[in-house]
Amino acid sequence: MKNELILRTKKFAHECVKIAIELSKSNSKLGNHIENQLIRCSTSVAANYRAACLGQSKKAFISKLGIVIEEADECIFWMEFLQDENLKNDEQSNKMLKEARELTSIFIASRITAVRNLHENK
């Protein structure tokens, strides 16, 4: 599961970057802003999940997962925002919005489980 999520988050980041780069073609301040934010948070999901998997302790893993959850939720925000602003509302953006929501749910569940396991093993 861990390796599958590492690959899944990396693919998610690549797809979000593609969407973001398309926004730069709009030559609008808002498009450029969302482009930068979406690139930053989507790649952060992948990078921080990868780092979480290398965690030196359960507490480090839980801490990194918190960052992953925040960044994945921020991806949801920016994807919804670009759709709200009619900058992009197509199959690709809908697919990535769905993926961001699924990843967020997965990481929240993982963090809950990790916290529970940490407390049970004390």
C-alpha atoms as a PDB file:
ATOM      1  CA  MET A   1       0.000   0.000   0.000  1.00  0.00           C
ATOM      2  CA  LYS A   2       2.825   2.411   0.892  1.00  0.00           C
ATOM      3  CA  ASN A   3       4.538   2.093  -2.496  1.00  0.00           C
ATOM      4  CA  GLU A   4       1.186   2.336  -4.264  1.00  0.00           C
ATOM      5  CA  LEU A   5       0.461   5.622  -2.487  1.00  0.00           C
ATOM      6  CA  ILE A   6       3.945   6.944  -3.251  1.00  0.00           C
ATOM      7  CA  LEU A   7       3.288   6.352  -6.957  1.00  0.00           C
ATOM      8  CA  ARG A   8      -0.292   7.615  -6.739  1.00  0.00           C
ATOM      9  CA  THR A   9       0.716  10.895  -5.081  1.00  0.00           C
ATOM     10  CA  LYS A  10       3.503  11.390  -7.615  1.00  0.00           C
ATOM     11  CA  LYS A  11       1.065  10.854 -10.496  1.00  0.00           C
ATOM     12  CA  PHE A  12      -1.363  13.255  -8.802  1.00  0.00           C
ATOM     13  CA  ALA A  13       1.352  15.910  -8.618  1.00  0.00           C
ATOM     14  CA  HIS A  14       2.224  15.450 -12.309  1.00  0.00           C
ATOM     15  CA  GLU A  15      -1.419  15.782 -13.362  1.00  0.00           C
ATOM     16  CA  CYS A  16      -1.960  18.874 -11.201  1.00  0.00           C
ATOM     17  CA  VAL A  17       1.176  20.473 -12.647  1.00  0.00           C
ATOM     18  CA  LYS A  18      -0.223  19.910 -16.141  1.00  0.00           C
ATOM     19  CA  ILE A  19      -3.453  21.649 -15.153  1.00  0.00           C
ATOM     20  CA  ALA A  20      -1.516  24.474 -13.543  1.00  0.00           C
ATOM     21  CA  ILE A  21       0.679  25.022 -16.585  1.00  0.00           C
ATOM     22  CA  GLU A  22      -2.448  25.348 -18.739  1.00  0.00           C
ATOM     23  CA  LEU A  23      -3.573  28.154 -16.431  1.00  0.00           C
ATOM     24  CA  SER A  24      -0.487  30.193 -17.293  1.00  0.00           C
ATOM     25  CA  LYS A  25      -1.783  30.428 -20.856  1.00  0.00           C
ATOM     26  CA  SER A  26      -4.641  32.607 -19.603  1.00  0.00           C
ATOM     27  CA  ASN A  27      -2.147  35.410 -18.862  1.00  0.00           C
ATOM     28  CA  SER A  28      -4.262  36.515 -15.919  1.00  0.00           C
ATOM     29  CA  LYS A  29      -2.994  37.402 -12.457  1.00  0.00           C
ATOM     30  CA  LEU A  30      -5.454  34.969 -10.900  1.00  0.00           C
ATOM     31  CA  GLY A  31      -4.480  32.177 -13.295  1.00  0.00           C
ATOM     32  CA  ASN A  32      -0.806  32.733 -12.515  1.00  0.00           C
ATOM     33  CA  HIS A  33      -1.481  32.782  -8.786  1.00  0.00           C
ATOM     34  CA  ILE A  34      -3.470  29.543  -8.853  1.00  0.00           C
ATOM     35  CA  GLU A  35      -0.830  27.979 -11.116  1.00  0.00           C
ATOM     36  CA  ASN A  36       1.878  28.632  -8.531  1.00  0.00           C
ATOM     37  CA  GLN A  37      -0.240  27.538  -5.581  1.00  0.00           C
ATOM     38  CA  LEU A  38      -1.450  24.342  -7.246  1.00  0.00           C
ATOM     39  CA  ILE A  39       2.070  23.364  -8.281  1.00  0.00           C
ATOM     40  CA  ARG A  40       3.357  24.026  -4.772  1.00  0.00           C
ATOM     41  CA  CYS A  41       0.681  22.132  -2.826  1.00  0.00           C
ATOM     42  CA  SER A  42       0.302  19.165  -5.201  1.00  0.00           C
ATOM     43  CA  THR A  43       4.026  18.484  -5.347  1.00  0.00           C
ATOM     44  CA  SER A  44       4.167  18.912  -1.583  1.00  0.00           C
ATOM     45  CA  VAL A  45       1.622  16.105  -1.176  1.00  0.00           C
ATOM     46  CA  ALA A  46       3.904  13.719  -3.060  1.00  0.00           C
ATOM     47  CA  ALA A  47       7.157  14.898  -1.496  1.00  0.00           C
ATOM     48  CA  ASN A  48       5.884  14.928   2.070  1.00  0.00           C
ATOM     49  CA  TYR A  49       4.179  11.547   1.797  1.00  0.00           C
ATOM     50  CA  ARG A  50       7.444  10.107   0.527  1.00  0.00           C
ATOM     51  CA  ALA A  51       9.209  11.722   3.490  1.00  0.00           C
ATOM     52  CA  ALA A  52       6.566  10.370   5.873  1.00  0.00           C
ATOM     53  CA  CYS A  53       7.326   6.853   4.694  1.00  0.00           C
ATOM     54  CA  LEU A  54      10.945   7.390   5.696  1.00  0.00           C
ATOM     55  CA  GLY A  55       9.914   8.661   9.126  1.00  0.00           C
ATOM     56  CA  GLN A  56      12.352   7.801  11.862  1.00  0.00           C
ATOM     57  CA  SER A  57       9.560   7.251  14.364  1.00  0.00           C
ATOM     58  CA  LYS A  58       5.803   6.862  14.553  1.00  0.00           C
ATOM     59  CA  LYS A  59       5.562  10.433  15.828  1.00  0.00           C
ATOM     60  CA  ALA A  60       7.556  11.680  12.813  1.00  0.00           C
ATOM     61  CA  PHE A  61       5.263   9.702  10.493  1.00  0.00           C
ATOM     62  CA  ILE A  62       2.167  11.197  12.132  1.00  0.00           C
ATOM     63  CA  SER A  63       3.620  14.689  11.931  1.00  0.00           C
ATOM     64  CA  LYS A  64       4.444  14.370   8.224  1.00  0.00           C
ATOM     65  CA  LEU A  65       0.995  12.927   7.527  1.00  0.00           C
ATOM     66  CA  GLY A  66      -0.460  16.081   9.062  1.00  0.00           C
ATOM     67  CA  ILE A  67       1.417  18.137   6.491  1.00  0.00           C
ATOM     68  CA  VAL A  68       0.289  15.815   3.676  1.00  0.00           C
ATOM     69  CA  ILE A  69      -3.341  16.207   4.786  1.00  0.00           C
ATOM     70  CA  GLU A  70      -3.068  20.002   4.858  1.00  0.00           C
ATOM     71  CA  GLU A  71      -1.472  20.132   1.412  1.00  0.00           C
ATOM     72  CA  ALA A  72      -3.983  17.683  -0.103  1.00  0.00           C
ATOM     73  CA  ASP A  73      -6.835  19.740   1.334  1.00  0.00           C
ATOM     74  CA  GLU A  74      -5.255  22.868  -0.130  1.00  0.00           C
ATOM     75  CA  CYS A  75      -5.258  21.128  -3.522  1.00  0.00           C
ATOM     76  CA  ILE A  76      -9.004  20.630  -3.100  1.00  0.00           C
ATOM     77  CA  PHE A  77      -9.380  24.330  -2.361  1.00  0.00           C
ATOM     78  CA  TRP A  78      -7.423  25.468  -5.425  1.00  0.00           C
ATOM     79  CA  MET A  79      -9.134  22.999  -7.755  1.00  0.00           C
ATOM     80  CA  GLU A  80     -12.551  24.140  -6.515  1.00  0.00           C
ATOM     81  CA  PHE A  81     -11.472  27.781  -6.778  1.00  0.00           C
ATOM     82  CA  LEU A  82     -10.302  27.508 -10.369  1.00  0.00           C
ATOM     83  CA  GLN A  83     -13.617  25.853 -11.237  1.00  0.00           C
ATOM     84  CA  ASP A  84     -15.575  28.522  -9.332  1.00  0.00           C
ATOM     85  CA  GLU A  85     -13.739  31.176 -11.339  1.00  0.00           C
ATOM     86  CA  ASN A  86     -14.432  29.305 -14.605  1.00  0.00           C
ATOM     87  CA  LEU A  87     -10.737  29.037 -15.347  1.00  0.00           C
ATOM     88  CA  LYS A  88     -10.959  25.276 -15.815  1.00  0.00           C
ATOM     89  CA  ASN A  89     -13.910  22.968 -15.455  1.00  0.00           C
ATOM     90  CA  ASP A  90     -13.406  19.871 -17.545  1.00  0.00           C
ATOM     91  CA  GLU A  91     -12.923  16.140 -17.177  1.00  0.00           C
ATOM     92  CA  GLN A  92      -9.262  16.521 -16.202  1.00  0.00           C
ATOM     93  CA  SER A  93      -9.888  19.063 -13.436  1.00  0.00           C
ATOM     94  CA  ASN A  94     -12.891  17.102 -12.151  1.00  0.00           C
ATOM     95  CA  LYS A  95     -10.767  13.941 -12.053  1.00  0.00           C
ATOM     96  CA  MET A  96      -7.993  15.661 -10.096  1.00  0.00           C
ATOM     97  CA  LEU A  97     -10.483  17.241  -7.704  1.00  0.00           C
ATOM     98  CA  LYS A  98     -11.906  13.777  -7.036  1.00  0.00           C
ATOM     99  CA  GLU A  99      -8.395  12.373  -6.564  1.00  0.00           C
ATOM    100  CA  ALA A 100      -7.485  15.173  -4.141  1.00  0.00           C
ATOM    101  CA  ARG A 101     -10.573  14.380  -2.072  1.00  0.00           C
ATOM    102  CA  GLU A 102      -9.806  10.644  -2.086  1.00  0.00           C
ATOM    103  CA  LEU A 103      -6.168  11.171  -1.114  1.00  0.00           C
ATOM    104  CA  THR A 104      -7.188  13.519   1.694  1.00  0.00           C
ATOM    105  CA  SER A 105      -9.602  10.910   3.041  1.00  0.00           C
ATOM    106  CA  ILE A 106      -6.981   8.169   2.823  1.00  0.00           C
ATOM    107  CA  PHE A 107      -4.389  10.230   4.672  1.00  0.00           C
ATOM    108  CA  ILE A 108      -6.843  11.322   7.368  1.00  0.00           C
ATOM    109  CA  ALA A 109      -7.769   7.678   7.970  1.00  0.00           C
ATOM    110  CA  SER A 110      -4.084   6.700   8.027  1.00  0.00           C
ATOM    111  CA  ARG A 111      -3.280   9.404  10.541  1.00  0.00           C
ATOM    112  CA  ILE A 112      -6.170   8.377  12.784  1.00  0.00           C
ATOM    113  CA  THR A 113      -4.963   4.772  12.684  1.00  0.00           C
ATOM    114  CA  ALA A 114      -1.352   5.760  13.355  1.00  0.00           C
ATOM    115  CA  VAL A 115      -2.341   7.926  16.333  1.00  0.00           C
ATOM    116  CA  ARG A 116      -4.535   5.146  17.725  1.00  0.00           C
ATOM    117  CA  ASN A 117      -1.706   2.610  17.333  1.00  0.00           C
ATOM    118  CA  LEU A 118       0.752   4.954  18.994  1.00  0.00           C
ATOM    119  CA  HIS A 119      -1.490   5.375  22.040  1.00  0.00           C
ATOM    120  CA  GLU A 120      -2.308   1.665  22.255  1.00  0.00           C
ATOM    121  CA  ASN A 121       1.370   0.704  22.253  1.00  0.00           C
ATOM    122  CA  LYS A 122       2.280   2.906  25.220  1.00  0.00           C
END
